[in-house]
PDB file of all heavy atoms in Angstrom:
ATOM      1  N   ASP A   1       5.804  -1.915   7.805  1.00  0.00           N
ATOM      2  CA  ASP A   1       6.516  -1.492   9.021  1.00  0.00           C
ATOM      3  C   ASP A   1       7.955  -1.702   8.956  1.00  0.00           C
ATOM      4  O   ASP A   1       8.698  -1.160   9.857  1.00  0.00           O
ATOM      5  CB  ASP A   1       5.928  -2.234  10.216  1.00  0.00           C
ATOM      6  CG  ASP A   1       4.430  -1.942  10.480  1.00  0.00           C
ATOM      7  OD1 ASP A   1       4.082  -0.820  10.293  1.00  0.00           O
ATOM      8  OD2 ASP A   1       3.669  -2.909  10.763  1.00  0.00           O
ATOM      9  N   MET A   2       8.455  -2.390   8.021  1.00  0.00           N
ATOM     10  CA  MET A   2       9.881  -2.514   7.779  1.00  0.00           C
ATOM     11  C   MET A   2      10.499  -1.302   7.232  1.00  0.00           C
ATOM     12  O   MET A   2       9.808  -0.412   6.709  1.00  0.00           O
ATOM     13  CB  MET A   2      10.183  -3.756   6.868  1.00  0.00           C
ATOM     14  CG  MET A   2       9.731  -5.133   7.513  1.00  0.00           C
ATOM     15  SD  MET A   2       9.904  -6.445   6.257  1.00  0.00           S
ATOM     16  CE  MET A   2      11.708  -6.583   6.121  1.00  0.00           C
ATOM     17  N   THR A   3      11.781  -1.201   7.307  1.00  0.00           N
ATOM     18  CA  THR A   3      12.523  -0.025   6.664  1.00  0.00           C
ATOM     19  C   THR A   3      13.141  -0.417   5.342  1.00  0.00           C
ATOM     20  O   THR A   3      13.311  -1.619   5.266  1.00  0.00           O
ATOM     21  CB  THR A   3      13.627   0.477   7.661  1.00  0.00           C
ATOM     22  OG1 THR A   3      14.678  -0.397   7.717  1.00  0.00           O
ATOM     23  CG2 THR A   3      13.077   0.862   9.039  1.00  0.00           C
ATOM     24  N   LEU A   4      13.423   0.490   4.491  1.00  0.00           N
ATOM     25  CA  LEU A   4      14.076   0.139   3.255  1.00  0.00           C
ATOM     26  C   LEU A   4      15.516  -0.439   3.508  1.00  0.00           C
ATOM     27  O   LEU A   4      15.963  -1.264   2.779  1.00  0.00           O
ATOM     28  CB  LEU A   4      14.154   1.353   2.356  1.00  0.00           C
ATOM     29  CG  LEU A   4      12.758   1.852   1.926  1.00  0.00           C
ATOM     30  CD1 LEU A   4      13.011   3.074   0.948  1.00  0.00           C
ATOM     31  CD2 LEU A   4      12.112   0.794   1.098  1.00  0.00           C
ATOM     32  N   ALA A   5      16.186   0.038   4.598  1.00  0.00           N
ATOM     33  CA  ALA A   5      17.480  -0.486   4.950  1.00  0.00           C
ATOM     34  C   ALA A   5      17.326  -1.961   5.274  1.00  0.00           C
ATOM     35  O   ALA A   5      18.215  -2.763   4.894  1.00  0.00           O
ATOM     36  CB  ALA A   5      18.086   0.282   6.106  1.00  0.00           C
ATOM     37  N   ASP A   6      16.330  -2.342   6.065  1.00  0.00           N
ATOM     38  CA  ASP A   6      16.132  -3.720   6.475  1.00  0.00           C
ATOM     39  C   ASP A   6      15.777  -4.547   5.237  1.00  0.00           C
ATOM     40  O   ASP A   6      16.311  -5.656   5.090  1.00  0.00           O
ATOM     41  CB  ASP A   6      14.882  -3.829   7.416  1.00  0.00           C
ATOM     42  CG  ASP A   6      15.216  -3.277   8.752  1.00  0.00           C
ATOM     43  OD1 ASP A   6      16.438  -3.243   9.115  1.00  0.00           O
ATOM     44  OD2 ASP A   6      14.247  -2.816   9.497  1.00  0.00           O
ATOM     45  N   VAL A   7      14.975  -4.020   4.264  1.00  0.00           N
ATOM     46  CA  VAL A   7      14.697  -4.724   3.066  1.00  0.00           C
ATOM     47  C   VAL A   7      15.936  -5.071   2.237  1.00  0.00           C
ATOM     48  O   VAL A   7      16.176  -6.213   1.822  1.00  0.00           O
ATOM     49  CB  VAL A   7      13.709  -3.921   2.180  1.00  0.00           C
ATOM     50  CG1 VAL A   7      13.529  -4.644   0.796  1.00  0.00           C
ATOM     51  CG2 VAL A   7      12.309  -3.878   2.967  1.00  0.00           C
ATOM     52  N   VAL A   8      16.779  -4.055   2.057  1.00  0.00           N
ATOM     53  CA  VAL A   8      18.026  -4.280   1.226  1.00  0.00           C
ATOM     54  C   VAL A   8      18.937  -5.242   1.909  1.00  0.00           C
ATOM     55  O   VAL A   8      19.637  -6.039   1.257  1.00  0.00           O
ATOM     56  CB  VAL A   8      18.669  -2.884   0.912  1.00  0.00           C
ATOM     57  CG1 VAL A   8      20.078  -3.194   0.240  1.00  0.00           C
ATOM     58  CG2 VAL A   8      17.721  -2.053  -0.004  1.00  0.00           C
ATOM     59  N   LYS A   9      18.978  -5.171   3.296  1.00  0.00           N
ATOM     60  CA  LYS A   9      19.786  -6.046   4.018  1.00  0.00           C
ATOM     61  C   LYS A   9      19.444  -7.486   3.807  1.00  0.00           C
ATOM     62  O   LYS A   9      20.200  -8.409   3.638  1.00  0.00           O
ATOM     63  CB  LYS A   9      19.897  -5.716   5.456  1.00  0.00           C
ATOM     64  CG  LYS A   9      20.907  -6.419   6.301  1.00  0.00           C
ATOM     65  CD  LYS A   9      20.945  -5.862   7.749  1.00  0.00           C
ATOM     66  CE  LYS A   9      22.106  -6.605   8.564  1.00  0.00           C
ATOM     67  NZ  LYS A   9      22.104  -6.059   9.940  1.00  0.00           N
ATOM     68  N   GLU A  10      18.121  -7.766   3.777  1.00  0.00           N
ATOM     69  CA  GLU A  10      17.571  -9.132   3.573  1.00  0.00           C
ATOM     70  C   GLU A  10      17.421  -9.496   2.128  1.00  0.00           C
ATOM     71  O   GLU A  10      17.464 -10.550   1.743  1.00  0.00           O
ATOM     72  CB  GLU A  10      16.236  -9.251   4.307  1.00  0.00           C
ATOM     73  CG  GLU A  10      16.305  -9.086   5.872  1.00  0.00           C
ATOM     74  CD  GLU A  10      17.213 -10.207   6.458  1.00  0.00           C
ATOM     75  OE1 GLU A  10      17.150 -11.371   6.046  1.00  0.00           O
ATOM     76  OE2 GLU A  10      18.023  -9.861   7.363  1.00  0.00           O
ATOM     77  N   HIS A  11      17.137  -8.519   1.331  1.00  0.00           N
ATOM     78  CA  HIS A  11      16.913  -8.720  -0.168  1.00  0.00           C
ATOM     79  C   HIS A  11      17.722  -7.786  -0.964  1.00  0.00           C
ATOM     80  O   HIS A  11      17.133  -6.855  -1.510  1.00  0.00           O
ATOM     81  CB  HIS A  11      15.430  -8.612  -0.384  1.00  0.00           C
ATOM     82  CG  HIS A  11      14.474  -9.446   0.352  1.00  0.00           C
ATOM     83  ND1 HIS A  11      14.305 -10.815   0.180  1.00  0.00           N
ATOM     84  CD2 HIS A  11      13.736  -9.103   1.413  1.00  0.00           C
ATOM     85  CE1 HIS A  11      13.548 -11.283   1.112  1.00  0.00           C
ATOM     86  NE2 HIS A  11      13.131 -10.239   1.927  1.00  0.00           N
ATOM     87  N   PRO A  12      19.083  -7.959  -1.124  1.00  0.00           N
ATOM     88  CA  PRO A  12      19.916  -7.013  -1.882  1.00  0.00           C
ATOM     89  C   PRO A  12      19.442  -6.876  -3.344  1.00  0.00           C
ATOM     90  O   PRO A  12      19.735  -5.878  -3.969  1.00  0.00           O
ATOM     91  CB  PRO A  12      21.317  -7.656  -1.760  1.00  0.00           C
ATOM     92  CG  PRO A  12      21.258  -8.489  -0.538  1.00  0.00           C
ATOM     93  CD  PRO A  12      19.850  -9.034  -0.441  1.00  0.00           C
ATOM     94  N   ASN A  13      18.836  -7.882  -3.916  1.00  0.00           N
ATOM     95  CA  ASN A  13      18.306  -7.785  -5.234  1.00  0.00           C
ATOM     96  C   ASN A  13      17.252  -6.870  -5.520  1.00  0.00           C
ATOM     97  O   ASN A  13      16.836  -6.580  -6.665  1.00  0.00           O
ATOM     98  CB  ASN A  13      17.919  -9.159  -5.825  1.00  0.00           C
ATOM     99  CG  ASN A  13      16.834  -9.815  -4.995  1.00  0.00           C
ATOM    100  OD1 ASN A  13      16.808  -9.698  -3.842  1.00  0.00           O
ATOM    101  ND2 ASN A  13      15.959 -10.537  -5.691  1.00  0.00           N
ATOM    102  N   THR A  14      16.801  -6.181  -4.389  1.00  0.00           N
ATOM    103  CA  THR A  14      15.712  -5.105  -4.541  1.00  0.00           C
ATOM    104  C   THR A  14      16.444  -3.665  -4.900  1.00  0.00           C
ATOM    105  O   THR A  14      15.682  -2.675  -5.098  1.00  0.00           O
ATOM    106  CB  THR A  14      14.850  -4.950  -3.384  1.00  0.00           C
ATOM    107  OG1 THR A  14      15.638  -4.618  -2.239  1.00  0.00           O
ATOM    108  CG2 THR A  14      14.067  -6.259  -3.093  1.00  0.00           C
ATOM    109  N   ILE A  15      17.694  -3.609  -4.854  1.00  0.00           N
ATOM    110  CA  ILE A  15      18.372  -2.308  -5.083  1.00  0.00           C
ATOM    111  C   ILE A  15      17.983  -1.708  -6.381  1.00  0.00           C
ATOM    112  O   ILE A  15      17.751  -0.483  -6.470  1.00  0.00           O
ATOM    113  CB  ILE A  15      19.886  -2.482  -4.953  1.00  0.00           C
ATOM    114  CG1 ILE A  15      20.307  -2.772  -3.481  1.00  0.00           C
ATOM    115  CG2 ILE A  15      20.706  -1.268  -5.498  1.00  0.00           C
ATOM    116  CD1 ILE A  15      21.786  -2.991  -3.206  1.00  0.00           C
ATOM    117  N   GLY A  16      18.033  -2.477  -7.479  1.00  0.00           N
ATOM    118  CA  GLY A  16      17.672  -1.994  -8.710  1.00  0.00           C
ATOM    119  C   GLY A  16      16.267  -1.370  -8.808  1.00  0.00           C
ATOM    120  O   GLY A  16      16.035  -0.285  -9.343  1.00  0.00           O
ATOM    121  N   PHE A  17      15.311  -1.991  -8.233  1.00  0.00           N
ATOM    122  CA  PHE A  17      13.963  -1.574  -8.127  1.00  0.00           C
ATOM    123  C   PHE A  17      13.873  -0.291  -7.350  1.00  0.00           C
ATOM    124  O   PHE A  17      13.196   0.722  -7.775  1.00  0.00           O
ATOM    125  CB  PHE A  17      13.021  -2.612  -7.479  1.00  0.00           C
ATOM    126  CG  PHE A  17      11.646  -2.237  -7.180  1.00  0.00           C
ATOM    127  CD1 PHE A  17      10.711  -2.089  -8.229  1.00  0.00           C
ATOM    128  CD2 PHE A  17      11.256  -1.906  -5.905  1.00  0.00           C
ATOM    129  CE1 PHE A  17       9.444  -1.686  -7.938  1.00  0.00           C
ATOM    130  CE2 PHE A  17       9.990  -1.536  -5.630  1.00  0.00           C
ATOM    131  CZ  PHE A  17       8.980  -1.498  -6.647  1.00  0.00           C
ATOM    132  N   LEU A  18      14.465  -0.161  -6.218  1.00  0.00           N
ATOM    133  CA  LEU A  18      14.499   1.013  -5.340  1.00  0.00           C
ATOM    134  C   LEU A  18      15.126   2.215  -6.084  1.00  0.00           C
ATOM    135  O   LEU A  18      14.759   3.268  -6.011  1.00  0.00           O
ATOM    136  CB  LEU A  18      15.112   0.731  -4.051  1.00  0.00           C
ATOM    137  CG  LEU A  18      14.437  -0.292  -3.133  1.00  0.00           C
ATOM    138  CD1 LEU A  18      15.167  -0.579  -1.892  1.00  0.00           C
ATOM    139  CD2 LEU A  18      12.994   0.221  -2.868  1.00  0.00           C
ATOM    140  N   ASN A  19      16.257   1.860  -6.790  1.00  0.00           N
ATOM    141  CA  ASN A  19      17.000   2.904  -7.446  1.00  0.00           C
ATOM    142  C   ASN A  19      16.121   3.507  -8.613  1.00  0.00           C
ATOM    143  O   ASN A  19      16.176   4.728  -8.815  1.00  0.00           O
ATOM    144  CB  ASN A  19      18.254   2.416  -8.143  1.00  0.00           C
ATOM    145  CG  ASN A  19      19.398   2.246  -7.038  1.00  0.00           C
ATOM    146  OD1 ASN A  19      19.333   2.851  -6.037  1.00  0.00           O
ATOM    147  ND2 ASN A  19      20.494   1.490  -7.419  1.00  0.00           N
ATOM    148  N   GLY A  20      15.281   2.671  -9.239  1.00  0.00           N
ATOM    149  CA  GLY A  20      14.474   3.148 -10.266  1.00  0.00           C
ATOM    150  C   GLY A  20      13.434   4.066  -9.806  1.00  0.00           C
ATOM    151  O   GLY A  20      12.977   4.907 -10.541  1.00  0.00           O
ATOM    152  N   LEU A  21      13.031   3.917  -8.543  1.00  0.00           N
ATOM    153  CA  LEU A  21      12.022   4.892  -7.891  1.00  0.00           C
ATOM    154  C   LEU A  21      12.760   5.962  -7.154  1.00  0.00           C
ATOM    155  O   LEU A  21      11.969   6.822  -6.558  1.00  0.00           O
ATOM    156  CB  LEU A  21      11.149   4.069  -6.942  1.00  0.00           C
ATOM    157  CG  LEU A  21      10.243   3.021  -7.714  1.00  0.00           C
ATOM    158  CD1 LEU A  21       9.484   2.278  -6.625  1.00  0.00           C
ATOM    159  CD2 LEU A  21       9.262   3.722  -8.624  1.00  0.00           C
ATOM    160  N   HIS A  22      13.984   6.007  -7.150  1.00  0.00           N
ATOM    161  CA  HIS A  22      14.841   7.049  -6.473  1.00  0.00           C
ATOM    162  C   HIS A  22      14.461   7.096  -4.958  1.00  0.00           C
ATOM    163  O   HIS A  22      14.355   8.191  -4.308  1.00  0.00           O
ATOM    164  CB  HIS A  22      14.668   8.410  -7.056  1.00  0.00           C
ATOM    165  CG  HIS A  22      14.743   8.478  -8.576  1.00  0.00           C
ATOM    166  ND1 HIS A  22      16.056   8.175  -9.198  1.00  0.00           N
ATOM    167  CD2 HIS A  22      13.912   8.521  -9.612  1.00  0.00           C
ATOM    168  CE1 HIS A  22      15.885   8.130 -10.501  1.00  0.00           C
ATOM    169  NE2 HIS A  22      14.571   8.452 -10.779  1.00  0.00           N
ATOM    170  N   LEU A  23      14.376   5.928  -4.318  1.00  0.00           N
ATOM    171  CA  LEU A  23      14.170   5.720  -2.886  1.00  0.00           C
ATOM    172  C   LEU A  23      15.395   5.477  -2.185  1.00  0.00           C
ATOM    173  O   LEU A  23      16.115   4.649  -2.589  1.00  0.00           O
ATOM    174  CB  LEU A  23      13.155   4.624  -2.704  1.00  0.00           C
ATOM    175  CG  LEU A  23      11.552   4.963  -3.024  1.00  0.00           C
ATOM    176  CD1 LEU A  23      10.795   3.658  -3.149  1.00  0.00           C
ATOM    177  CD2 LEU A  23      11.117   5.912  -2.066  1.00  0.00           C
ATOM    178  N   ASP A  24      15.528   6.206  -1.151  1.00  0.00           N
ATOM    179  CA  ASP A  24      16.856   6.161  -0.364  1.00  0.00           C
ATOM    180  C   ASP A  24      16.748   4.976   0.609  1.00  0.00           C
ATOM    181  O   ASP A  24      16.092   5.027   1.497  1.00  0.00           O
ATOM    182  CB  ASP A  24      17.008   7.537   0.338  1.00  0.00           C
ATOM    183  CG  ASP A  24      18.290   7.595   1.124  1.00  0.00           C
ATOM    184  OD1 ASP A  24      19.061   6.634   1.102  1.00  0.00           O
ATOM    185  OD2 ASP A  24      18.585   8.793   1.722  1.00  0.00           O
ATOM    186  N   TYR A  25      17.678   4.079   0.439  1.00  0.00           N
ATOM    187  CA  TYR A  25      17.768   2.939   1.270  1.00  0.00           C
ATOM    188  C   TYR A  25      19.004   3.019   2.090  1.00  0.00           C
ATOM    189  O   TYR A  25      19.267   2.122   3.010  1.00  0.00           O
ATOM    190  CB  TYR A  25      17.779   1.546   0.527  1.00  0.00           C
ATOM    191  CG  TYR A  25      18.919   1.457  -0.534  1.00  0.00           C
ATOM    192  CD1 TYR A  25      20.143   1.009  -0.100  1.00  0.00           C
ATOM    193  CD2 TYR A  25      18.698   1.805  -1.829  1.00  0.00           C
ATOM    194  CE1 TYR A  25      21.175   0.880  -1.079  1.00  0.00           C
ATOM    195  CE2 TYR A  25      19.704   1.697  -2.752  1.00  0.00           C
ATOM    196  CZ  TYR A  25      20.865   1.265  -2.356  1.00  0.00           C
ATOM    197  OH  TYR A  25      21.987   1.167  -3.312  1.00  0.00           O
ATOM    198  N   CYS A  26      19.925   3.974   1.930  1.00  0.00           N
ATOM    199  CA  CYS A  26      21.153   4.059   2.675  1.00  0.00           C
ATOM    200  C   CYS A  26      21.108   5.135   3.727  1.00  0.00           C
ATOM    201  O   CYS A  26      20.945   4.877   4.963  1.00  0.00           O
ATOM    202  CB  CYS A  26      22.356   4.209   1.725  1.00  0.00           C
ATOM    203  SG  CYS A  26      22.255   5.566   0.589  1.00  0.00           S
ATOM    204  N   CYS A  27      21.257   6.481   3.295  1.00  0.00           N
ATOM    205  CA  CYS A  27      21.312   7.549   4.263  1.00  0.00           C
ATOM    206  C   CYS A  27      19.966   7.658   5.093  1.00  0.00           C
ATOM    207  O   CYS A  27      19.947   7.851   6.246  1.00  0.00           O
ATOM    208  CB  CYS A  27      21.720   8.802   3.600  1.00  0.00           C
ATOM    209  SG  CYS A  27      23.231   8.724   2.729  1.00  0.00           S
ATOM    210  N   GLY A  28      18.946   7.726   4.178  1.00  0.00           N
ATOM    211  CA  GLY A  28      17.594   8.005   4.897  1.00  0.00           C
ATOM    212  C   GLY A  28      16.713   6.855   4.855  1.00  0.00           C
ATOM    213  O   GLY A  28      15.435   6.866   4.756  1.00  0.00           O
ATOM    214  N   GLY A  29      17.331   5.610   4.982  1.00  0.00           N
ATOM    215  CA  GLY A  29      16.502   4.384   4.793  1.00  0.00           C
ATOM    216  C   GLY A  29      15.946   3.762   6.048  1.00  0.00           C
ATOM    217  O   GLY A  29      15.605   2.605   6.039  1.00  0.00           O
ATOM    218  N   HIS A  30      15.856   4.636   7.110  1.00  0.00           N
ATOM    219  CA  HIS A  30      15.534   3.998   8.310  1.00  0.00           C
ATOM    220  C   HIS A  30      14.114   4.423   8.838  1.00  0.00           C
ATOM    221  O   HIS A  30      13.749   4.197  10.069  1.00  0.00           O
ATOM    222  CB  HIS A  30      16.552   4.349   9.398  1.00  0.00           C
ATOM    223  CG  HIS A  30      17.973   3.896   9.044  1.00  0.00           C
ATOM    224  ND1 HIS A  30      18.264   2.549   9.153  1.00  0.00           N
ATOM    225  CD2 HIS A  30      19.067   4.526   8.564  1.00  0.00           C
ATOM    226  CE1 HIS A  30      19.514   2.397   8.702  1.00  0.00           C
ATOM    227  NE2 HIS A  30      20.057   3.593   8.371  1.00  0.00           N
ATOM    228  N   ASP A  31      13.356   5.070   7.920  1.00  0.00           N
ATOM    229  CA  ASP A  31      11.902   5.260   8.248  1.00  0.00           C
ATOM    230  C   ASP A  31      11.147   4.034   7.772  1.00  0.00           C
ATOM    231  O   ASP A  31      11.470   3.385   6.854  1.00  0.00           O
ATOM    232  CB  ASP A  31      11.485   6.505   7.448  1.00  0.00           C
ATOM    233  CG  ASP A  31      11.969   7.845   8.060  1.00  0.00           C
ATOM    234  OD1 ASP A  31      12.251   7.868   9.259  1.00  0.00           O
ATOM    235  OD2 ASP A  31      12.148   8.719   7.269  1.00  0.00           O
ATOM    236  N   PRO A  32       9.999   3.801   8.470  1.00  0.00           N
ATOM    237  CA  PRO A  32       9.142   2.700   7.991  1.00  0.00           C
ATOM    238  C   PRO A  32       8.715   2.982   6.584  1.00  0.00           C
ATOM    239  O   PRO A  32       8.521   4.091   6.109  1.00  0.00           O
ATOM    240  CB  PRO A  32       7.881   2.766   8.922  1.00  0.00           C
ATOM    241  CG  PRO A  32       8.480   3.395  10.183  1.00  0.00           C
ATOM    242  CD  PRO A  32       9.483   4.391   9.783  1.00  0.00           C
ATOM    243  N   ILE A  33       8.584   1.838   5.808  1.00  0.00           N
ATOM    244  CA  ILE A  33       8.299   1.947   4.413  1.00  0.00           C
ATOM    245  C   ILE A  33       7.038   2.740   4.185  1.00  0.00           C
ATOM    246  O   ILE A  33       6.948   3.553   3.184  1.00  0.00           O
ATOM    247  CB  ILE A  33       8.068   0.522   3.818  1.00  0.00           C
ATOM    248  CG1 ILE A  33       9.356  -0.208   3.649  1.00  0.00           C
ATOM    249  CG2 ILE A  33       7.307   0.574   2.517  1.00  0.00           C
ATOM    250  CD1 ILE A  33       9.377  -1.673   3.171  1.00  0.00           C
ATOM    251  N   GLU A  34       6.015   2.633   5.058  1.00  0.00           N
ATOM    252  CA  GLU A  34       4.781   3.330   4.859  1.00  0.00           C
ATOM    253  C   GLU A  34       5.034   4.832   4.908  1.00  0.00           C
ATOM    254  O   GLU A  34       4.452   5.513   4.039  1.00  0.00           O
ATOM    255  CB  GLU A  34       3.789   3.012   6.045  1.00  0.00           C
ATOM    256  CG  GLU A  34       2.484   3.587   5.869  1.00  0.00           C
ATOM    257  CD  GLU A  34       1.530   3.238   7.021  1.00  0.00           C
ATOM    258  OE1 GLU A  34       2.001   2.666   8.093  1.00  0.00           O
ATOM    259  OE2 GLU A  34       0.329   3.371   6.776  1.00  0.00           O
ATOM    260  N   ILE A  35       5.930   5.281   5.663  1.00  0.00           N
ATOM    261  CA  ILE A  35       6.170   6.774   5.664  1.00  0.00           C
ATOM    262  C   ILE A  35       7.131   7.132   4.433  1.00  0.00           C
ATOM    263  O   ILE A  35       6.830   8.133   3.755  1.00  0.00           O
ATOM    264  CB  ILE A  35       7.008   7.111   7.066  1.00  0.00           C
ATOM    265  CG1 ILE A  35       6.060   6.948   8.227  1.00  0.00           C
ATOM    266  CG2 ILE A  35       7.478   8.594   7.012  1.00  0.00           C
ATOM    267  CD1 ILE A  35       6.671   7.133   9.568  1.00  0.00           C
ATOM    268  N   ALA A  36       8.112   6.392   4.178  1.00  0.00           N
ATOM    269  CA  ALA A  36       9.016   6.676   3.136  1.00  0.00           C
ATOM    270  C   ALA A  36       8.346   6.791   1.778  1.00  0.00           C
ATOM    271  O   ALA A  36       8.582   7.634   0.919  1.00  0.00           O
ATOM    272  CB  ALA A  36      10.251   5.673   3.146  1.00  0.00           C
TER     273      ALA A  36
END
């Protein structure tokens, strides 16, 4: 239920993992993880 933007804000060290999957945590990072 969290968003990717929330995740990166709390756990910045996940950026590399998300980049590797090409998941958008900045512009489009406000949808719930389940949807994204």
